[in-house]
Amino acid sequence: MNTFKQPVEGARYLRTFLDVHVARLRTALGDKDRGASAVELAVITAVLVGLAVAILVIVVNFANKQGTTITNTTVPNNPAQGGGGG
């Protein structure tokens, strides 16, 4: 399953996701909200999700490159071992 077709899309998603959490943080700070631990938890969660998405994009890209390499590998046909040369 390829969630992001390009690494740029993953970065855009991460940026949007973090912007939402930063906006909530600014709103909470502007309202003098005392739920600082909840806001900190939200920011930490956003950062961890962002890291997970970044790692996912890296792993998927690596797997796709390796899959292409494996598909393009040719196996030599040695006639001395019964290659059907006749």
Protein backbone atom coordinates (compact mmCIF):
# COMPACT_ATOMS: atom_id res chain seq x y z
CA MET A 1 0.00 0.00 0.00
CA ASN A 2 1.54 3.27 -1.09
CA THR A 3 -0.09 6.01 0.96
CA PHE A 4 1.94 8.82 -0.55
CA LYS A 5 2.88 8.81 -4.23
CA GLN A 6 5.68 11.31 -3.66
CA PRO A 7 7.66 12.14 -0.51
CA VAL A 8 6.51 15.73 -1.04
CA GLU A 9 2.91 14.71 -0.37
CA GLY A 10 3.94 13.17 2.93
CA ALA A 11 5.76 16.36 3.87
CA ARG A 12 2.71 18.44 2.96
CA TYR A 13 0.50 16.22 5.08
CA LEU A 14 2.91 16.51 7.99
CA ARG A 15 3.08 20.29 7.63
CA THR A 16 -0.72 20.59 7.58
CA PHE A 17 -1.04 18.27 10.55
CA LEU A 18 1.48 20.24 12.58
CA ASP A 19 -0.10 23.57 11.56
CA VAL A 20 -3.42 22.43 13.02
CA HIS A 21 -1.78 21.56 16.33
CA VAL A 22 0.22 24.78 16.40
CA ALA A 23 -2.99 26.74 15.82
CA ARG A 24 -4.61 24.95 18.75
CA LEU A 25 -1.58 25.72 20.89
CA ARG A 26 -1.71 29.41 19.97
CA THR A 27 -5.43 29.53 20.72
CA ALA A 28 -4.88 27.90 24.11
CA LEU A 29 -2.04 30.28 24.96
CA GLY A 30 -4.08 33.29 23.83
CA ASP A 31 -7.01 32.26 26.02
CA LYS A 32 -4.69 31.79 29.00
CA ASP A 33 -5.79 28.19 29.14
CA ARG A 34 -4.33 26.32 32.08
CA GLY A 35 -4.41 22.95 30.31
CA ALA A 36 -0.74 23.20 29.46
CA SER A 37 -0.07 19.50 29.92
CA ALA A 38 -2.84 18.63 27.45
CA VAL A 39 -1.40 21.06 24.91
CA GLU A 40 2.10 19.70 25.45
CA LEU A 41 0.78 16.19 24.94
CA ALA A 42 -0.92 17.26 21.70
CA VAL A 43 2.28 18.83 20.38
CA ILE A 44 4.39 15.82 21.36
CA THR A 45 1.86 13.52 19.71
CA ALA A 46 1.95 15.60 16.53
CA VAL A 47 5.73 15.44 16.40
CA LEU A 48 5.75 11.68 16.95
CA VAL A 49 3.14 11.13 14.25
CA GLY A 50 5.21 13.30 11.92
CA LEU A 51 8.30 11.23 12.60
CA ALA A 52 6.32 8.04 11.99
CA VAL A 53 5.08 9.37 8.65
CA ALA A 54 8.61 10.38 7.65
CA ILE A 55 9.95 6.93 8.52
CA LEU A 56 7.07 5.31 6.63
CA VAL A 57 7.84 7.34 3.50
CA ILE A 58 11.53 6.40 3.71
CA VAL A 59 10.76 2.69 4.17
CA VAL A 60 8.21 2.63 1.34
CA ASN A 61 10.61 4.37 -1.04
CA PHE A 62 13.41 1.98 -0.09
CA ALA A 63 11.14 -1.05 -0.56
CA ASN A 64 9.98 0.19 -3.96
CA LYS A 65 13.57 0.72 -5.13
CA GLN A 66 14.62 -2.71 -3.92
CA GLY A 67 11.59 -4.30 -5.58
CA THR A 68 12.52 -2.67 -8.86
CA THR A 69 16.11 -3.87 -8.48
CA ILE A 70 14.98 -7.44 -7.81
CA THR A 71 12.58 -7.37 -10.77
CA ASN A 72 15.31 -6.13 -13.13
CA THR A 73 17.83 -8.79 -12.08
CA THR A 74 18.56 -11.40 -14.73
CA VAL A 75 19.60 -14.91 -13.84
CA PRO A 76 22.13 -16.49 -16.23
CA ASN A 77 21.06 -19.71 -17.90
CA ASN A 78 23.96 -22.15 -17.72
CA PRO A 79 23.55 -24.81 -20.48
CA ALA A 80 25.90 -27.19 -18.65
CA GLN A 81 23.27 -27.67 -15.96
CA GLY A 82 20.36 -28.65 -18.14
CA GLY A 83 19.31 -25.31 -19.54
CA GLY A 84 17.42 -27.09 -22.34
CA GLY A 85 19.90 -26.22 -25.08
CA GLY A 86 19.48 -29.51 -26.92
